[in-house]
Amino acid sequence: MYNLKDPVEMYRADSASEVFFDLWGQVAKINAAPTDLVKMAALDALMTQILPKSLQFLENRLKKLNIRYVSGNNLCYADFCWASFMVTIALNSNFSFSGGIQS
């Protein structure tokens, strides 16, 4: 899923996927919230803190390193993680907050 002979590429892929899994963990907190109050607090954290920081991390990496994908100029597993977020969460109308992510 990435070039095993390039430790920098491996680090970039692994760090991008860790950010993705932190984001996904927050989505799980929303979906599994025991009360509406807990759900709204988790949603607020997602929308105001976690998601903006996560997307800024990716944008900064792509711009600063002038690369096409999260680990370099070749697709890796982390790119598919982030693509799955966009399709499964951000663009899925079954998630009540998907519209807010699209804006």
PDB file of N, CA and C in Angstrom:
ATOM      1  N   MET A   1       0.795  -1.188   0.000  1.00  0.00           N
ATOM      2  CA  MET A   1       0.000   0.000   0.000  1.00  0.00           C
ATOM      3  C   MET A   1       0.845   1.263   0.000  1.00  0.00           C
ATOM      4  N   TYR A   2       2.132   1.150   0.244  1.00  0.00           N
ATOM      5  CA  TYR A   2       3.067   2.240   0.039  1.00  0.00           C
ATOM      6  C   TYR A   2       4.451   1.658  -0.153  1.00  0.00           C
ATOM      7  N   ASN A   3       5.370   2.505  -0.514  1.00  0.00           N
ATOM      8  CA  ASN A   3       6.729   2.066  -0.795  1.00  0.00           C
ATOM      9  C   ASN A   3       7.446   1.747   0.520  1.00  0.00           C
ATOM     10  N   LEU A   4       7.671   0.484   0.769  1.00  0.00           N
ATOM     11  CA  LEU A   4       8.310   0.052   2.014  1.00  0.00           C
ATOM     12  C   LEU A   4       9.778   0.457   2.108  1.00  0.00           C
ATOM     13  N   LYS A   5      10.337   0.915   1.019  1.00  0.00           N
ATOM     14  CA  LYS A   5      11.730   1.350   1.023  1.00  0.00           C
ATOM     15  C   LYS A   5      11.853   2.852   1.267  1.00  0.00           C
ATOM     16  N   ASP A   6      10.730   3.520   1.446  1.00  0.00           N
ATOM     17  CA  ASP A   6      10.744   4.970   1.660  1.00  0.00           C
ATOM     18  C   ASP A   6      10.113   5.288   3.015  1.00  0.00           C
ATOM     19  N   PRO A   7      10.928   5.444   4.060  1.00  0.00           N
ATOM     20  CA  PRO A   7      10.378   5.684   5.394  1.00  0.00           C
ATOM     21  C   PRO A   7       9.589   6.988   5.502  1.00  0.00           C
ATOM     22  N   VAL A   8       9.933   7.980   4.717  1.00  0.00           N
ATOM     23  CA  VAL A   8       9.189   9.245   4.751  1.00  0.00           C
ATOM     24  C   VAL A   8       7.773   9.030   4.218  1.00  0.00           C
ATOM     25  N   GLU A   9       7.662   8.328   3.123  1.00  0.00           N
ATOM     26  CA  GLU A   9       6.345   8.026   2.561  1.00  0.00           C
ATOM     27  C   GLU A   9       5.522   7.182   3.539  1.00  0.00           C
ATOM     28  N   MET A  10       6.169   6.241   4.187  1.00  0.00           N
ATOM     29  CA  MET A  10       5.471   5.402   5.160  1.00  0.00           C
ATOM     30  C   MET A  10       4.972   6.246   6.327  1.00  0.00           C
ATOM     31  N   TYR A  11       5.810   7.156   6.821  1.00  0.00           N
ATOM     32  CA  TYR A  11       5.407   8.036   7.915  1.00  0.00           C
ATOM     33  C   TYR A  11       4.228   8.902   7.502  1.00  0.00           C
ATOM     34  N   ARG A  12       4.299   9.491   6.327  1.00  0.00           N
ATOM     35  CA  ARG A  12       3.207  10.355   5.865  1.00  0.00           C
ATOM     36  C   ARG A  12       1.891   9.591   5.768  1.00  0.00           C
ATOM     37  N   ALA A  13       1.946   8.385   5.238  1.00  0.00           N
ATOM     38  CA  ALA A  13       0.723   7.580   5.117  1.00  0.00           C
ATOM     39  C   ALA A  13       0.187   7.216   6.498  1.00  0.00           C
ATOM     40  N   ASP A  14       1.051   6.783   7.372  1.00  0.00           N
ATOM     41  CA  ASP A  14       0.610   6.374   8.711  1.00  0.00           C
ATOM     42  C   ASP A  14       0.070   7.554   9.511  1.00  0.00           C
ATOM     43  N   SER A  15       0.723   8.701   9.440  1.00  0.00           N
ATOM     44  CA  SER A  15       0.245   9.860  10.206  1.00  0.00           C
ATOM     45  C   SER A  15      -1.083  10.369   9.655  1.00  0.00           C
ATOM     46  N   ALA A  16      -1.255  10.348   8.345  1.00  0.00           N
ATOM     47  CA  ALA A  16      -2.539  10.770   7.759  1.00  0.00           C
ATOM     48  C   ALA A  16      -3.658   9.815   8.132  1.00  0.00           C
ATOM     49  N   SER A  17      -3.352   8.535   8.207  1.00  0.00           N
ATOM     50  CA  SER A  17      -4.393   7.584   8.590  1.00  0.00           C
ATOM     51  C   SER A  17      -4.716   7.703  10.081  1.00  0.00           C
ATOM     52  N   GLU A  18      -3.744   8.060  10.905  1.00  0.00           N
ATOM     53  CA  GLU A  18      -4.023   8.267  12.329  1.00  0.00           C
ATOM     54  C   GLU A  18      -4.973   9.451  12.532  1.00  0.00           C
ATOM     55  N   VAL A  19      -4.770  10.504  11.780  1.00  0.00           N
ATOM     56  CA  VAL A  19      -5.679  11.658  11.851  1.00  0.00           C
ATOM     57  C   VAL A  19      -7.069  11.231  11.398  1.00  0.00           C
ATOM     58  N   PHE A  20      -7.135  10.438  10.346  1.00  0.00           N
ATOM     59  CA  PHE A  20      -8.414   9.922   9.858  1.00  0.00           C
ATOM     60  C   PHE A  20      -9.120   9.109  10.941  1.00  0.00           C
ATOM     61  N   PHE A  21      -8.406   8.223  11.615  1.00  0.00           N
ATOM     62  CA  PHE A  21      -9.036   7.385  12.631  1.00  0.00           C
ATOM     63  C   PHE A  21      -9.463   8.190  13.857  1.00  0.00           C
ATOM     64  N   ASP A  22      -8.749   9.269  14.174  1.00  0.00           N
ATOM     65  CA  ASP A  22      -9.208  10.168  15.236  1.00  0.00           C
ATOM     66  C   ASP A  22     -10.543  10.801  14.838  1.00  0.00           C
ATOM     67  N   LEU A  23     -10.624  11.221  13.607  1.00  0.00           N
ATOM     68  CA  LEU A  23     -11.861  11.812  13.089  1.00  0.00           C
ATOM     69  C   LEU A  23     -12.994  10.793  13.113  1.00  0.00           C
ATOM     70  N   TRP A  24     -12.724   9.595  12.659  1.00  0.00           N
ATOM     71  CA  TRP A  24     -13.733   8.530  12.642  1.00  0.00           C
ATOM     72  C   TRP A  24     -14.192   8.181  14.055  1.00  0.00           C
ATOM     73  N   GLY A  25     -13.272   8.244  15.008  1.00  0.00           N
ATOM     74  CA  GLY A  25     -13.633   7.984  16.404  1.00  0.00           C
ATOM     75  C   GLY A  25     -14.637   9.003  16.916  1.00  0.00           C
ATOM     76  N   GLN A  26     -14.494  10.240  16.486  1.00  0.00           N
ATOM     77  CA  GLN A  26     -15.452  11.262  16.896  1.00  0.00           C
ATOM     78  C   GLN A  26     -16.818  11.007  16.260  1.00  0.00           C
ATOM     79  N   VAL A  27     -16.832  10.561  15.034  1.00  0.00           N
ATOM     80  CA  VAL A  27     -18.100  10.209  14.378  1.00  0.00           C
ATOM     81  C   VAL A  27     -18.770   9.068  15.142  1.00  0.00           C
ATOM     82  N   ALA A  28     -17.987   8.107  15.595  1.00  0.00           N
ATOM     83  CA  ALA A  28     -18.540   6.996  16.378  1.00  0.00           C
ATOM     84  C   ALA A  28     -19.142   7.500  17.681  1.00  0.00           C
ATOM     85  N   LYS A  29     -18.501   8.485  18.317  1.00  0.00           N
ATOM     86  CA  LYS A  29     -19.051   9.057  19.542  1.00  0.00           C
ATOM     87  C   LYS A  29     -20.418   9.695  19.282  1.00  0.00           C
ATOM     88  N   ILE A  30     -20.562  10.314  18.133  1.00  0.00           N
ATOM     89  CA  ILE A  30     -21.846  10.932  17.781  1.00  0.00           C
ATOM     90  C   ILE A  30     -22.899   9.859  17.593  1.00  0.00           C
ATOM     91  N   ASN A  31     -22.559   8.848  16.841  1.00  0.00           N
ATOM     92  CA  ASN A  31     -23.521   7.792  16.527  1.00  0.00           C
ATOM     93  C   ASN A  31     -23.895   6.946  17.736  1.00  0.00           C
ATOM     94  N   ALA A  32     -22.988   6.822  18.694  1.00  0.00           N
ATOM     95  CA  ALA A  32     -23.245   5.968  19.852  1.00  0.00           C
ATOM     96  C   ALA A  32     -23.562   6.765  21.115  1.00  0.00           C
ATOM     97  N   ALA A  33     -23.824   8.049  20.959  1.00  0.00           N
ATOM     98  CA  ALA A  33     -24.075   8.890  22.129  1.00  0.00           C
ATOM     99  C   ALA A  33     -25.308   8.403  22.890  1.00  0.00           C
ATOM    100  N   PRO A  34     -25.201   8.312  24.216  1.00  0.00           N
ATOM    101  CA  PRO A  34     -26.330   7.803  25.004  1.00  0.00           C
ATOM    102  C   PRO A  34     -27.475   8.805  25.154  1.00  0.00           C
ATOM    103  N   THR A  35     -27.159  10.096  25.010  1.00  0.00           N
ATOM    104  CA  THR A  35     -28.201  11.120  25.128  1.00  0.00           C
ATOM    105  C   THR A  35     -28.025  12.149  24.018  1.00  0.00           C
ATOM    106  N   ASP A  36     -29.062  12.922  23.784  1.00  0.00           N
ATOM    107  CA  ASP A  36     -28.977  13.982  22.782  1.00  0.00           C
ATOM    108  C   ASP A  36     -27.964  15.050  23.180  1.00  0.00           C
ATOM    109  N   LEU A  37     -27.855  15.309  24.473  1.00  0.00           N
ATOM    110  CA  LEU A  37     -26.903  16.304  24.949  1.00  0.00           C
ATOM    111  C   LEU A  37     -25.467  15.880  24.642  1.00  0.00           C
ATOM    112  N   VAL A  38     -25.152  14.627  24.897  1.00  0.00           N
ATOM    113  CA  VAL A  38     -23.817  14.098  24.601  1.00  0.00           C
ATOM    114  C   VAL A  38     -23.590  14.103  23.086  1.00  0.00           C
ATOM    115  N   LYS A  39     -24.603  13.740  22.341  1.00  0.00           N
ATOM    116  CA  LYS A  39     -24.508  13.719  20.884  1.00  0.00           C
ATOM    117  C   LYS A  39     -24.217  15.122  20.343  1.00  0.00           C
ATOM    118  N   MET A  40     -24.919  16.123  20.848  1.00  0.00           N
ATOM    119  CA  MET A  40     -24.719  17.486  20.372  1.00  0.00           C
ATOM    120  C   MET A  40     -23.330  18.008  20.742  1.00  0.00           C
ATOM    121  N   ALA A  41     -22.841  17.646  21.919  1.00  0.00           N
ATOM    122  CA  ALA A  41     -21.490  18.066  22.323  1.00  0.00           C
ATOM    123  C   ALA A  41     -20.442  17.421  21.417  1.00  0.00           C
ATOM    124  N   ALA A  42     -20.616  16.150  21.106  1.00  0.00           N
ATOM    125  CA  ALA A  42     -19.670  15.452  20.222  1.00  0.00           C
ATOM    126  C   ALA A  42     -19.747  16.015  18.807  1.00  0.00           C
ATOM    127  N   LEU A  43     -20.942  16.326  18.356  1.00  0.00           N
ATOM    128  CA  LEU A  43     -21.111  16.915  17.022  1.00  0.00           C
ATOM    129  C   LEU A  43     -20.462  18.293  16.962  1.00  0.00           C
ATOM    130  N   ASP A  44     -20.651  19.084  18.011  1.00  0.00           N
ATOM    131  CA  ASP A  44     -20.034  20.408  18.060  1.00  0.00           C
ATOM    132  C   ASP A  44     -18.517  20.292  18.011  1.00  0.00           C
ATOM    133  N   ALA A  45     -17.952  19.361  18.771  1.00  0.00           N
ATOM    134  CA  ALA A  45     -16.498  19.156  18.751  1.00  0.00           C
ATOM    135  C   ALA A  45     -16.027  18.742  17.365  1.00  0.00           C
ATOM    136  N   LEU A  46     -16.787  17.875  16.707  1.00  0.00           N
ATOM    137  CA  LEU A  46     -16.428  17.447  15.358  1.00  0.00           C
ATOM    138  C   LEU A  46     -16.406  18.629  14.403  1.00  0.00           C
ATOM    139  N   MET A  47     -17.477  19.391  14.400  1.00  0.00           N
ATOM    140  CA  MET A  47     -17.640  20.441  13.406  1.00  0.00           C
ATOM    141  C   MET A  47     -16.778  21.680  13.659  1.00  0.00           C
ATOM    142  N   THR A  48     -16.495  21.983  14.925  1.00  0.00           N
ATOM    143  CA  THR A  48     -15.764  23.220  15.216  1.00  0.00           C
ATOM    144  C   THR A  48     -14.284  23.011  15.493  1.00  0.00           C
ATOM    145  N   GLN A  49     -13.897  21.805  15.874  1.00  0.00           N
ATOM    146  CA  GLN A  49     -12.496  21.582  16.235  1.00  0.00           C
ATOM    147  C   GLN A  49     -11.838  20.482  15.413  1.00  0.00           C
ATOM    148  N   ILE A  50     -12.369  19.296  15.507  1.00  0.00           N
ATOM    149  CA  ILE A  50     -11.687  18.127  14.949  1.00  0.00           C
ATOM    150  C   ILE A  50     -11.654  18.134  13.431  1.00  0.00           C
ATOM    151  N   LEU A  51     -12.795  18.323  12.806  1.00  0.00           N
ATOM    152  CA  LEU A  51     -12.835  18.318  11.339  1.00  0.00           C
ATOM    153  C   LEU A  51     -12.018  19.454  10.734  1.00  0.00           C
ATOM    154  N   PRO A  52     -12.190  20.699  11.185  1.00  0.00           N
ATOM    155  CA  PRO A  52     -11.363  21.763  10.597  1.00  0.00           C
ATOM    156  C   PRO A  52      -9.862  21.520  10.762  1.00  0.00           C
ATOM    157  N   LYS A  53      -9.447  21.051  11.931  1.00  0.00           N
ATOM    158  CA  LYS A  53      -8.025  20.781  12.156  1.00  0.00           C
ATOM    159  C   LYS A  53      -7.532  19.632  11.285  1.00  0.00           C
ATOM    160  N   SER A  54      -8.361  18.611  11.127  1.00  0.00           N
ATOM    161  CA  SER A  54      -7.974  17.456  10.317  1.00  0.00           C
ATOM    162  C   SER A  54      -7.820  17.846   8.856  1.00  0.00           C
ATOM    163  N   LEU A  55      -8.775  18.591   8.350  1.00  0.00           N
ATOM    164  CA  LEU A  55      -8.704  19.001   6.949  1.00  0.00           C
ATOM    165  C   LEU A  55      -7.579  20.005   6.723  1.00  0.00           C
ATOM    166  N   GLN A  56      -7.322  20.859   7.706  1.00  0.00           N
ATOM    167  CA  GLN A  56      -6.209  21.796   7.599  1.00  0.00           C
ATOM    168  C   GLN A  56      -4.879  21.055   7.569  1.00  0.00           C
ATOM    169  N   PHE A  57      -4.769  20.005   8.378  1.00  0.00           N
ATOM    170  CA  PHE A  57      -3.575  19.158   8.378  1.00  0.00           C
ATOM    171  C   PHE A  57      -3.312  18.630   6.967  1.00  0.00           C
ATOM    172  N   LEU A  58      -4.350  18.072   6.343  1.00  0.00           N
ATOM    173  CA  LEU A  58      -4.178  17.527   4.995  1.00  0.00           C
ATOM    174  C   LEU A  58      -3.849  18.610   3.984  1.00  0.00           C
ATOM    175  N   GLU A  59      -4.568  19.709   4.047  1.00  0.00           N
ATOM    176  CA  GLU A  59      -4.325  20.789   3.094  1.00  0.00           C
ATOM    177  C   GLU A  59      -2.909  21.336   3.225  1.00  0.00           C
ATOM    178  N   ASN A  60      -2.469  21.561   4.462  1.00  0.00           N
ATOM    179  CA  ASN A  60      -1.104  22.052   4.680  1.00  0.00           C
ATOM    180  C   ASN A  60      -0.065  21.095   4.126  1.00  0.00           C
ATOM    181  N   ARG A  61      -0.282  19.814   4.368  1.00  0.00           N
ATOM    182  CA  ARG A  61       0.678  18.821   3.874  1.00  0.00           C
ATOM    183  C   ARG A  61       0.757  18.845   2.356  1.00  0.00           C
ATOM    184  N   LEU A  62      -0.380  18.839   1.709  1.00  0.00           N
ATOM    185  CA  LEU A  62      -0.399  18.826   0.247  1.00  0.00           C
ATOM    186  C   LEU A  62       0.251  20.080  -0.334  1.00  0.00           C
ATOM    187  N   LYS A  63      -0.050  21.222   0.254  1.00  0.00           N
ATOM    188  CA  LYS A  63       0.509  22.480  -0.250  1.00  0.00           C
ATOM    189  C   LYS A  63       1.994  22.619   0.048  1.00  0.00           C
ATOM    190  N   LYS A  64       2.377  22.402   1.289  1.00  0.00           N
ATOM    191  CA  LYS A  64       3.771  22.623   1.683  1.00  0.00           C
ATOM    192  C   LYS A  64       4.727  21.669   0.991  1.00  0.00           C
ATOM    193  N   LEU A  65       4.290  20.428   0.841  1.00  0.00           N
ATOM    194  CA  LEU A  65       5.160  19.430   0.228  1.00  0.00           C
ATOM    195  C   LEU A  65       4.974  19.339  -1.282  1.00  0.00           C
ATOM    196  N   ASN A  66       3.964  20.046  -1.784  1.00  0.00           N
ATOM    197  CA  ASN A  66       3.655  20.030  -3.218  1.00  0.00           C
ATOM    198  C   ASN A  66       3.516  18.586  -3.731  1.00  0.00           C
ATOM    199  N   ILE A  67       2.647  17.837  -3.023  1.00  0.00           N
ATOM    200  CA  ILE A  67       2.394  16.445  -3.392  1.00  0.00           C
ATOM    201  C   ILE A  67       0.932  16.284  -3.784  1.00  0.00           C
ATOM    202  N   ARG A  68       0.645  15.228  -4.520  1.00  0.00           N
ATOM    203  CA  ARG A  68      -0.717  14.988  -5.001  1.00  0.00           C
ATOM    204  C   ARG A  68      -1.564  14.197  -4.017  1.00  0.00           C
ATOM    205  N   TYR A  69      -0.943  13.334  -3.239  1.00  0.00           N
ATOM    206  CA  TYR A  69      -1.650  12.452  -2.322  1.00  0.00           C
ATOM    207  C   TYR A  69      -1.058  12.595  -0.922  1.00  0.00           C
ATOM    208  N   VAL A  70      -1.710  12.026   0.072  1.00  0.00           N
ATOM    209  CA  VAL A  70      -1.300  12.282   1.451  1.00  0.00           C
ATOM    210  C   VAL A  70       0.103  11.804   1.808  1.00  0.00           C
ATOM    211  N   SER A  71       0.643  10.854   1.085  1.00  0.00           N
ATOM    212  CA  SER A  71       1.992  10.386   1.415  1.00  0.00           C
ATOM    213  C   SER A  71       3.036  10.769   0.371  1.00  0.00           C
ATOM    214  N   GLY A  72       2.604  11.269  -0.736  1.00  0.00           N
ATOM    215  CA  GLY A  72       3.538  11.613  -1.806  1.00  0.00           C
ATOM    216  C   GLY A  72       2.792  11.773  -3.114  1.00  0.00           C
ATOM    217  N   ASN A  73       3.396  11.310  -4.170  1.00  0.00           N
ATOM    218  CA  ASN A  73       2.774  11.440  -5.491  1.00  0.00           C
ATOM    219  C   ASN A  73       2.168  10.145  -6.002  1.00  0.00           C
ATOM    220  N   ASN A  74       2.044   9.175  -5.107  1.00  0.00           N
ATOM    221  CA  ASN A  74       1.396   7.913  -5.451  1.00  0.00           C
ATOM    222  C   ASN A  74       0.298   7.622  -4.433  1.00  0.00           C
ATOM    223  N   LEU A  75      -0.767   7.015  -4.897  1.00  0.00           N
ATOM    224  CA  LEU A  75      -1.852   6.631  -3.997  1.00  0.00           C
ATOM    225  C   LEU A  75      -1.369   5.612  -2.972  1.00  0.00           C
ATOM    226  N   CYS A  76      -1.917   5.700  -1.771  1.00  0.00           N
ATOM    227  CA  CYS A  76      -1.638   4.709  -0.744  1.00  0.00           C
ATOM    228  C   CYS A  76      -2.925   4.464   0.035  1.00  0.00           C
ATOM    229  N   TYR A  77      -2.868   3.591   1.001  1.00  0.00           N
ATOM    230  CA  TYR A  77      -4.062   3.239   1.758  1.00  0.00           C
ATOM    231  C   TYR A  77      -4.679   4.435   2.471  1.00  0.00           C
ATOM    232  N   ALA A  78      -3.884   5.401   2.910  1.00  0.00           N
ATOM    233  CA  ALA A  78      -4.415   6.569   3.618  1.00  0.00           C
ATOM    234  C   ALA A  78      -5.313   7.408   2.712  1.00  0.00           C
ATOM    235  N   ASP A  79      -4.999   7.470   1.437  1.00  0.00           N
ATOM    236  CA  ASP A  79      -5.854   8.202   0.491  1.00  0.00           C
ATOM    237  C   ASP A  79      -7.235   7.560   0.418  1.00  0.00           C
ATOM    238  N   PHE A  80      -7.270   6.251   0.463  1.00  0.00           N
ATOM    239  CA  PHE A  80      -8.549   5.549   0.417  1.00  0.00           C
ATOM    240  C   PHE A  80      -9.328   5.728   1.717  1.00  0.00           C
ATOM    241  N   CYS A  81      -8.612   5.825   2.836  1.00  0.00           N
ATOM    242  CA  CYS A  81      -9.275   6.135   4.109  1.00  0.00           C
ATOM    243  C   CYS A  81      -9.987   7.474   4.000  1.00  0.00           C
ATOM    244  N   TRP A  82      -9.276   8.485   3.539  1.00  0.00           N
ATOM    245  CA  TRP A  82      -9.876   9.816   3.445  1.00  0.00           C
ATOM    246  C   TRP A  82     -10.984   9.866   2.401  1.00  0.00           C
ATOM    247  N   ALA A  83     -10.830   9.154   1.314  1.00  0.00           N
ATOM    248  CA  ALA A  83     -11.905   9.099   0.317  1.00  0.00           C
ATOM    249  C   ALA A  83     -13.140   8.426   0.910  1.00  0.00           C
ATOM    250  N   SER A  84     -12.930   7.410   1.725  1.00  0.00           N
ATOM    251  CA  SER A  84     -14.072   6.737   2.338  1.00  0.00           C
ATOM    252  C   SER A  84     -14.795   7.665   3.300  1.00  0.00           C
ATOM    253  N   PHE A  85     -14.060   8.537   3.990  1.00  0.00           N
ATOM    254  CA  PHE A  85     -14.715   9.505   4.862  1.00  0.00           C
ATOM    255  C   PHE A  85     -15.629  10.409   4.052  1.00  0.00           C
ATOM    256  N   MET A  86     -15.115  10.895   2.945  1.00  0.00           N
ATOM    257  CA  MET A  86     -15.905  11.827   2.139  1.00  0.00           C
ATOM    258  C   MET A  86     -17.169  11.155   1.595  1.00  0.00           C
ATOM    259  N   VAL A  87     -17.057   9.928   1.164  1.00  0.00           N
ATOM    260  CA  VAL A  87     -18.213   9.242   0.593  1.00  0.00           C
ATOM    261  C   VAL A  87     -19.156   8.732   1.679  1.00  0.00           C
ATOM    262  N   THR A  88     -18.599   8.127   2.715  1.00  0.00           N
ATOM    263  CA  THR A  88     -19.421   7.502   3.744  1.00  0.00           C
ATOM    264  C   THR A  88     -20.054   8.505   4.688  1.00  0.00           C
ATOM    265  N   ILE A  89     -19.347   9.525   5.056  1.00  0.00           N
ATOM    266  CA  ILE A  89     -19.832  10.465   6.060  1.00  0.00           C
ATOM    267  C   ILE A  89     -20.264  11.788   5.435  1.00  0.00           C
ATOM    268  N   ALA A  90     -19.358  12.466   4.787  1.00  0.00           N
ATOM    269  CA  ALA A  90     -19.633  13.823   4.330  1.00  0.00           C
ATOM    270  C   ALA A  90     -20.707  13.893   3.253  1.00  0.00           C
ATOM    271  N   LEU A  91     -20.760  12.918   2.391  1.00  0.00           N
ATOM    272  CA  LEU A  91     -21.717  12.975   1.288  1.00  0.00           C
ATOM    273  C   LEU A  91     -22.922  12.072   1.473  1.00  0.00           C
ATOM    274  N   ASN A  92     -23.022  11.402   2.597  1.00  0.00           N
ATOM    275  CA  ASN A  92     -24.108  10.462   2.852  1.00  0.00           C
ATOM    276  C   ASN A  92     -25.236  11.177   3.589  1.00  0.00           C
ATOM    277  N   SER A  93     -26.354  11.346   2.934  1.00  0.00           N
ATOM    278  CA  SER A  93     -27.462  12.083   3.536  1.00  0.00           C
ATOM    279  C   SER A  93     -28.074  11.357   4.737  1.00  0.00           C
ATOM    280  N   ASN A  94     -27.698  10.105   4.988  1.00  0.00           N
ATOM    281  CA  ASN A  94     -28.185   9.385   6.160  1.00  0.00           C
ATOM    282  C   ASN A  94     -27.545   9.897   7.449  1.00  0.00           C
ATOM    283  N   PHE A  95     -26.440  10.616   7.333  1.00  0.00           N
ATOM    284  CA  PHE A  95     -25.830  11.231   8.499  1.00  0.00           C
ATOM    285  C   PHE A  95     -26.400  12.634   8.636  1.00  0.00           C
ATOM    286  N   SER A  96     -26.957  12.919   9.793  1.00  0.00           N
ATOM    287  CA  SER A  96     -27.644  14.199   9.987  1.00  0.00           C
ATOM    288  C   SER A  96     -26.720  15.404   9.830  1.00  0.00           C
ATOM    289  N   PHE A  97     -25.437  15.205   9.998  1.00  0.00           N
ATOM    290  CA  PHE A  97     -24.509  16.334   9.926  1.00  0.00           C
ATOM    291  C   PHE A  97     -23.770  16.412   8.600  1.00  0.00           C
ATOM    292  N   SER A  98     -24.103  15.566   7.631  1.00  0.00           N
ATOM    293  CA  SER A  98     -23.356  15.554   6.373  1.00  0.00           C
ATOM    294  C   SER A  98     -23.454  16.891   5.651  1.00  0.00           C
ATOM    295  N   GLY A  99     -24.594  17.526   5.674  1.00  0.00           N
ATOM    296  CA  GLY A  99     -24.733  18.825   5.011  1.00  0.00           C
ATOM    297  C   GLY A  99     -23.803  19.878   5.566  1.00  0.00           C
ATOM    298  N   GLY A 100     -23.579  19.837   6.880  1.00  0.00           N
ATOM    299  CA  GLY A 100     -22.669  20.789   7.502  1.00  0.00           C
ATOM    300  C   GLY A 100     -21.231  20.577   7.072  1.00  0.00           C
ATOM    301  N   ILE A 101     -20.867  19.356   6.805  1.00  0.00           N
ATOM    302  CA  ILE A 101     -19.505  19.062   6.349  1.00  0.00           C
ATOM    303  C   ILE A 101     -19.329  19.543   4.916  1.00  0.00           C
ATOM    304  N   GLN A 102     -20.356  19.433   4.106  1.00  0.00           N
ATOM    305  CA  GLN A 102     -20.259  19.839   2.705  1.00  0.00           C
ATOM    306  C   GLN A 102     -20.117  21.335   2.543  1.00  0.00           C
ATOM    307  N   SER A 103     -20.628  22.115   3.484  1.00  0.00           N
ATOM    308  CA  SER A 103     -20.607  23.578   3.345  1.00  0.00           C
ATOM    309  C   SER A 103     -19.224  24.148   3.479  1.00  0.00           C
TER     310      SER A 103
END
